[in-house]
Amino acid sequence: LPDLALAQTVTTAIDMVTILMLLFGAWKERAGWLLPKVLLMMCGVMHTLLIVVMWIVSIKHDAVHTTSVLLVGALTIALSLYFWVIVYSYYRLLEERRVVH
């Protein structure tokens, strides 16, 4: 499992960098700094959706597990999409301000 630990470390490092970019971009009101986080968040939503679908397909014969995975997965995806919409909306607002000025 050393490869898994390395992958998690790299993923966490990338996420931390994009969070810092998001904070800096929000502070300076620069849309370009928010874009990496917007893209990474959408990749995360798609990844979660793929994992939920694969998990449901693999346990399709157990109704209780399928239902619980579907429920938790749907809530996770909904919350992730909500956070993405917040960041994306702010990104679009900054882009519109940049075009006007």
C-alpha atoms as a PDB file:
ATOM      1  CA  LEU A   1       0.000   0.000   0.000  1.00  0.00           C
ATOM      2  CA  PRO A   2       2.895   2.472  -0.265  1.00  0.00           C
ATOM      3  CA  ASP A   3       1.586   3.537  -3.692  1.00  0.00           C
ATOM      4  CA  LEU A   4      -1.783   4.364  -2.143  1.00  0.00           C
ATOM      5  CA  ALA A   5      -0.124   6.489   0.539  1.00  0.00           C
ATOM      6  CA  LEU A   6       1.890   8.319  -2.108  1.00  0.00           C
ATOM      7  CA  ALA A   7      -1.228   8.922  -4.207  1.00  0.00           C
ATOM      8  CA  GLN A   8      -3.093  10.271  -1.180  1.00  0.00           C
ATOM      9  CA  THR A   9      -0.168  12.531  -0.295  1.00  0.00           C
ATOM     10  CA  VAL A  10       0.043  13.931  -3.824  1.00  0.00           C
ATOM     11  CA  THR A  11      -3.730  14.402  -4.005  1.00  0.00           C
ATOM     12  CA  THR A  12      -3.751  16.213  -0.663  1.00  0.00           C
ATOM     13  CA  ALA A  13      -0.855  18.439  -1.726  1.00  0.00           C
ATOM     14  CA  ILE A  14      -2.619  19.374  -4.972  1.00  0.00           C
ATOM     15  CA  ASP A  15      -5.829  20.082  -3.071  1.00  0.00           C
ATOM     16  CA  MET A  16      -3.986  22.289  -0.571  1.00  0.00           C
ATOM     17  CA  VAL A  17      -2.351  24.277  -3.378  1.00  0.00           C
ATOM     18  CA  THR A  18      -5.696  24.816  -5.129  1.00  0.00           C
ATOM     19  CA  ILE A  19      -7.308  25.864  -1.838  1.00  0.00           C
ATOM     20  CA  LEU A  20      -4.552  28.426  -1.293  1.00  0.00           C
ATOM     21  CA  MET A  21      -5.046  29.641  -4.868  1.00  0.00           C
ATOM     22  CA  LEU A  22      -8.795  29.890  -4.215  1.00  0.00           C
ATOM     23  CA  LEU A  23      -8.242  31.926  -1.058  1.00  0.00           C
ATOM     24  CA  PHE A  24      -5.724  34.204  -2.756  1.00  0.00           C
ATOM     25  CA  GLY A  25      -8.005  34.675  -5.760  1.00  0.00           C
ATOM     26  CA  ALA A  26     -10.970  35.507  -3.531  1.00  0.00           C
ATOM     27  CA  TRP A  27      -8.859  37.939  -1.501  1.00  0.00           C
ATOM     28  CA  LYS A  28      -7.472  39.719  -4.576  1.00  0.00           C
ATOM     29  CA  GLU A  29     -10.705  39.237  -6.553  1.00  0.00           C
ATOM     30  CA  ARG A  30      -8.910  37.520  -9.436  1.00  0.00           C
ATOM     31  CA  ALA A  31     -10.993  34.919 -11.273  1.00  0.00           C
ATOM     32  CA  GLY A  32      -8.017  33.133 -12.803  1.00  0.00           C
ATOM     33  CA  TRP A  33      -6.827  31.989  -9.404  1.00  0.00           C
ATOM     34  CA  LEU A  34     -10.184  30.301  -8.735  1.00  0.00           C
ATOM     35  CA  LEU A  35     -10.270  28.290 -11.955  1.00  0.00           C
ATOM     36  CA  PRO A  36      -7.987  25.412 -10.801  1.00  0.00           C
ATOM     37  CA  LYS A  37     -10.243  24.776  -7.792  1.00  0.00           C
ATOM     38  CA  VAL A  38     -13.383  24.969  -9.950  1.00  0.00           C
ATOM     39  CA  LEU A  39     -11.957  22.334 -12.295  1.00  0.00           C
ATOM     40  CA  LEU A  40     -10.625  20.141  -9.487  1.00  0.00           C
ATOM     41  CA  MET A  41     -13.963  20.259  -7.667  1.00  0.00           C
ATOM     42  CA  MET A  42     -15.831  19.169 -10.806  1.00  0.00           C
ATOM     43  CA  CYS A  43     -13.352  16.310 -11.252  1.00  0.00           C
ATOM     44  CA  GLY A  44     -14.097  15.325  -7.657  1.00  0.00           C
ATOM     45  CA  VAL A  45     -17.841  15.313  -8.317  1.00  0.00           C
ATOM     46  CA  MET A  46     -17.375  13.150 -11.411  1.00  0.00           C
ATOM     47  CA  HIS A  47     -15.042  10.811  -9.492  1.00  0.00           C
ATOM     48  CA  THR A  48     -17.574  10.423  -6.678  1.00  0.00           C
ATOM     49  CA  LEU A  49     -20.349   9.741  -9.180  1.00  0.00           C
ATOM     50  CA  LEU A  50     -18.236   7.080 -10.876  1.00  0.00           C
ATOM     51  CA  ILE A  51     -17.377   5.412  -7.553  1.00  0.00           C
ATOM     52  CA  VAL A  52     -21.044   5.348  -6.471  1.00  0.00           C
ATOM     53  CA  VAL A  53     -22.167   3.851  -9.787  1.00  0.00           C
ATOM     54  CA  MET A  54     -19.407   1.215  -9.717  1.00  0.00           C
ATOM     55  CA  TRP A  55     -20.221   0.346  -6.112  1.00  0.00           C
ATOM     56  CA  ILE A  56     -23.945   0.006  -6.822  1.00  0.00           C
ATOM     57  CA  VAL A  57     -23.254  -2.226  -9.823  1.00  0.00           C
ATOM     58  CA  SER A  58     -20.948  -4.433  -7.761  1.00  0.00           C
ATOM     59  CA  ILE A  59     -23.495  -4.956  -4.925  1.00  0.00           C
ATOM     60  CA  LYS A  60     -26.690  -4.987  -6.978  1.00  0.00           C
ATOM     61  CA  HIS A  61     -27.977  -8.187  -5.335  1.00  0.00           C
ATOM     62  CA  ASP A  62     -28.094  -6.732  -1.818  1.00  0.00           C
ATOM     63  CA  ALA A  63     -30.962  -4.247  -1.596  1.00  0.00           C
ATOM     64  CA  VAL A  64     -30.009  -2.815   1.807  1.00  0.00           C
ATOM     65  CA  HIS A  65     -26.421  -2.041   0.816  1.00  0.00           C
ATOM     66  CA  THR A  66     -27.468  -0.743  -2.597  1.00  0.00           C
ATOM     67  CA  THR A  67     -30.001   1.604  -1.011  1.00  0.00           C
ATOM     68  CA  SER A  68     -27.570   2.882   1.610  1.00  0.00           C
ATOM     69  CA  VAL A  69     -24.791   3.428  -0.955  1.00  0.00           C
ATOM     70  CA  LEU A  70     -27.242   5.196  -3.239  1.00  0.00           C
ATOM     71  CA  LEU A  71     -28.495   7.433  -0.423  1.00  0.00           C
ATOM     72  CA  VAL A  72     -25.063   8.340   0.942  1.00  0.00           C
ATOM     73  CA  GLY A  73     -23.686   8.750  -2.575  1.00  0.00           C
ATOM     74  CA  ALA A  74     -26.545  11.017  -3.633  1.00  0.00           C
ATOM     75  CA  LEU A  75     -26.094  13.186  -0.541  1.00  0.00           C
ATOM     76  CA  THR A  76     -22.342  13.382  -1.103  1.00  0.00           C
ATOM     77  CA  ILE A  77     -22.757  14.316  -4.752  1.00  0.00           C
ATOM     78  CA  ALA A  78     -25.462  16.879  -3.943  1.00  0.00           C
ATOM     79  CA  LEU A  79     -23.296  18.542  -1.299  1.00  0.00           C
ATOM     80  CA  SER A  80     -20.248  18.514  -3.581  1.00  0.00           C
ATOM     81  CA  LEU A  81     -22.279  20.059  -6.404  1.00  0.00           C
ATOM     82  CA  TYR A  82     -23.613  22.717  -4.034  1.00  0.00           C
ATOM     83  CA  PHE A  83     -20.076  23.718  -3.017  1.00  0.00           C
ATOM     84  CA  TRP A  84     -19.014  23.682  -6.669  1.00  0.00           C
ATOM     85  CA  VAL A  85     -21.901  25.995  -7.613  1.00  0.00           C
ATOM     86  CA  ILE A  86     -20.845  28.441  -4.890  1.00  0.00           C
ATOM     87  CA  VAL A  87     -17.241  28.597  -6.093  1.00  0.00           C
ATOM     88  CA  TYR A  88     -18.223  28.628  -9.770  1.00  0.00           C
ATOM     89  CA  SER A  89     -20.750  31.424  -9.208  1.00  0.00           C
ATOM     90  CA  TYR A  90     -18.100  33.562  -7.549  1.00  0.00           C
ATOM     91  CA  TYR A  91     -15.692  32.754 -10.384  1.00  0.00           C
ATOM     92  CA  ARG A  92     -18.303  33.897 -12.946  1.00  0.00           C
ATOM     93  CA  LEU A  93     -18.998  37.062 -10.937  1.00  0.00           C
ATOM     94  CA  LEU A  94     -15.305  37.948 -10.952  1.00  0.00           C
ATOM     95  CA  GLU A  95     -15.080  37.184 -14.679  1.00  0.00           C
ATOM     96  CA  GLU A  96     -18.031  39.469 -15.404  1.00  0.00           C
ATOM     97  CA  ARG A  97     -16.509  42.249 -13.300  1.00  0.00           C
ATOM     98  CA  ARG A  98     -13.227  41.874 -15.186  1.00  0.00           C
ATOM     99  CA  VAL A  99     -14.952  42.158 -18.562  1.00  0.00           C
ATOM    100  CA  VAL A 100     -16.933  45.247 -17.497  1.00  0.00           C
ATOM    101  CA  HIS A 101     -13.887  47.075 -16.143  1.00  0.00           C
END
